């Protein structure tokens, strides 16, 4: 699935004082992400880019 582009429209939801965009399970599975994994986040050209942070010993 490397290089495959998936497009999905999600709503920003409010929970308490924070806002969230929930990631679907199949997206997390495609990237081998689990609850508690670290993500790097940046904004470029009016886009939010999320990049999984590999931990030492991970072969993601």
C-alpha atoms as a PDB file:
ATOM      1  CA  UNK A   1       0.000   0.000   0.000  1.00  0.00           C
ATOM      2  CA  UNK A   2       3.026   2.248  -0.054  1.00  0.00           C
ATOM      3  CA  UNK A   3       2.394   5.333  -2.156  1.00  0.00           C
ATOM      4  CA  UNK A   4      -1.351   4.683  -2.246  1.00  0.00           C
ATOM      5  CA  UNK A   5      -3.421   7.804  -1.616  1.00  0.00           C
ATOM      6  CA  UNK A   6      -6.631   7.503   0.378  1.00  0.00           C
ATOM      7  CA  UNK A   7      -9.051  10.450   0.534  1.00  0.00           C
ATOM      8  CA  UNK A   8     -11.636  10.777   3.253  1.00  0.00           C
ATOM      9  CA  UNK A   9     -13.574  13.768   4.565  1.00  0.00           C
ATOM     10  CA  UNK A  10     -13.782  13.961   8.345  1.00  0.00           C
ATOM     11  CA  UNK A  11     -15.337  16.534  10.681  1.00  0.00           C
ATOM     12  CA  UNK A  12     -13.466  18.367  13.400  1.00  0.00           C
ATOM     13  CA  UNK A  13     -15.237  17.430  16.642  1.00  0.00           C
ATOM     14  CA  UNK A  14     -15.084  19.188  19.983  1.00  0.00           C
ATOM     15  CA  UNK A  15     -14.466  17.261  23.205  1.00  0.00           C
ATOM     16  CA  UNK A  16     -14.110  19.463  26.267  1.00  0.00           C
ATOM     17  CA  UNK A  17     -11.660  22.258  25.509  1.00  0.00           C
ATOM     18  CA  UNK A  18     -10.003  20.368  22.636  1.00  0.00           C
ATOM     19  CA  UNK A  19     -10.821  19.643  18.994  1.00  0.00           C
ATOM     20  CA  UNK A  20     -10.155  16.318  17.293  1.00  0.00           C
ATOM     21  CA  UNK A  21     -10.096  14.679  13.892  1.00  0.00           C
ATOM     22  CA  UNK A  22     -10.642  10.970  14.444  1.00  0.00           C
ATOM     23  CA  UNK A  23      -8.577   8.601  12.322  1.00  0.00           C
ATOM     24  CA  UNK A  24     -10.347   5.515  10.973  1.00  0.00           C
ATOM     25  CA  UNK A  25      -9.029   2.106  12.054  1.00  0.00           C
ATOM     26  CA  UNK A  26      -8.136   1.088   8.491  1.00  0.00           C
ATOM     27  CA  UNK A  27      -5.864   4.168   8.176  1.00  0.00           C
ATOM     28  CA  UNK A  28      -4.141   3.264  11.454  1.00  0.00           C
ATOM     29  CA  UNK A  29      -3.774  -0.348  10.314  1.00  0.00           C
ATOM     30  CA  UNK A  30      -2.233   0.741   6.985  1.00  0.00           C
ATOM     31  CA  UNK A  31       0.453   2.645   8.920  1.00  0.00           C
ATOM     32  CA  UNK A  32       0.778   0.055  11.711  1.00  0.00           C
ATOM     33  CA  UNK A  33      -0.171   2.711  14.287  1.00  0.00           C
ATOM     34  CA  UNK A  34      -1.538   1.985  17.725  1.00  0.00           C
ATOM     35  CA  UNK A  35      -3.000   4.079  20.532  1.00  0.00           C
ATOM     36  CA  UNK A  36      -0.174   5.989  22.228  1.00  0.00           C
ATOM     37  CA  UNK A  37       2.165   6.048  19.190  1.00  0.00           C
ATOM     38  CA  UNK A  38       3.888   9.376  18.526  1.00  0.00           C
ATOM     39  CA  UNK A  39       3.115  11.452  15.442  1.00  0.00           C
ATOM     40  CA  UNK A  40       5.004  14.420  14.054  1.00  0.00           C
ATOM     41  CA  UNK A  41       2.678  17.172  12.792  1.00  0.00           C
ATOM     42  CA  UNK A  42       3.437  20.074  10.479  1.00  0.00           C
ATOM     43  CA  UNK A  43       1.578  22.537   8.305  1.00  0.00           C
ATOM     44  CA  UNK A  44       2.688  23.069   4.706  1.00  0.00           C
ATOM     45  CA  UNK A  45       0.822  24.810   1.869  1.00  0.00           C
ATOM     46  CA  UNK A  46      -2.345  25.033   4.001  1.00  0.00           C
ATOM     47  CA  UNK A  47      -2.271  21.260   4.677  1.00  0.00           C
ATOM     48  CA  UNK A  48      -1.792  19.333   7.913  1.00  0.00           C
ATOM     49  CA  UNK A  49       0.780  16.563   7.500  1.00  0.00           C
ATOM     50  CA  UNK A  50       1.043  13.772  10.063  1.00  0.00           C
ATOM     51  CA  UNK A  51       4.121  11.544  10.054  1.00  0.00           C
ATOM     52  CA  UNK A  52       4.516   8.498  12.309  1.00  0.00           C
ATOM     53  CA  UNK A  53       7.578   8.798  14.552  1.00  0.00           C
ATOM     54  CA  UNK A  54       9.534   5.556  14.382  1.00  0.00           C
ATOM     55  CA  UNK A  55      10.876   4.288  17.639  1.00  0.00           C
ATOM     56  CA  UNK A  56      14.246   2.600  17.817  1.00  0.00           C
ATOM     57  CA  UNK A  57      13.828  -1.014  16.800  1.00  0.00           C
ATOM     58  CA  UNK A  58      10.589  -0.410  14.885  1.00  0.00           C
ATOM     59  CA  UNK A  59      10.427  -1.720  11.338  1.00  0.00           C
ATOM     60  CA  UNK A  60       7.359   0.249  10.147  1.00  0.00           C
END
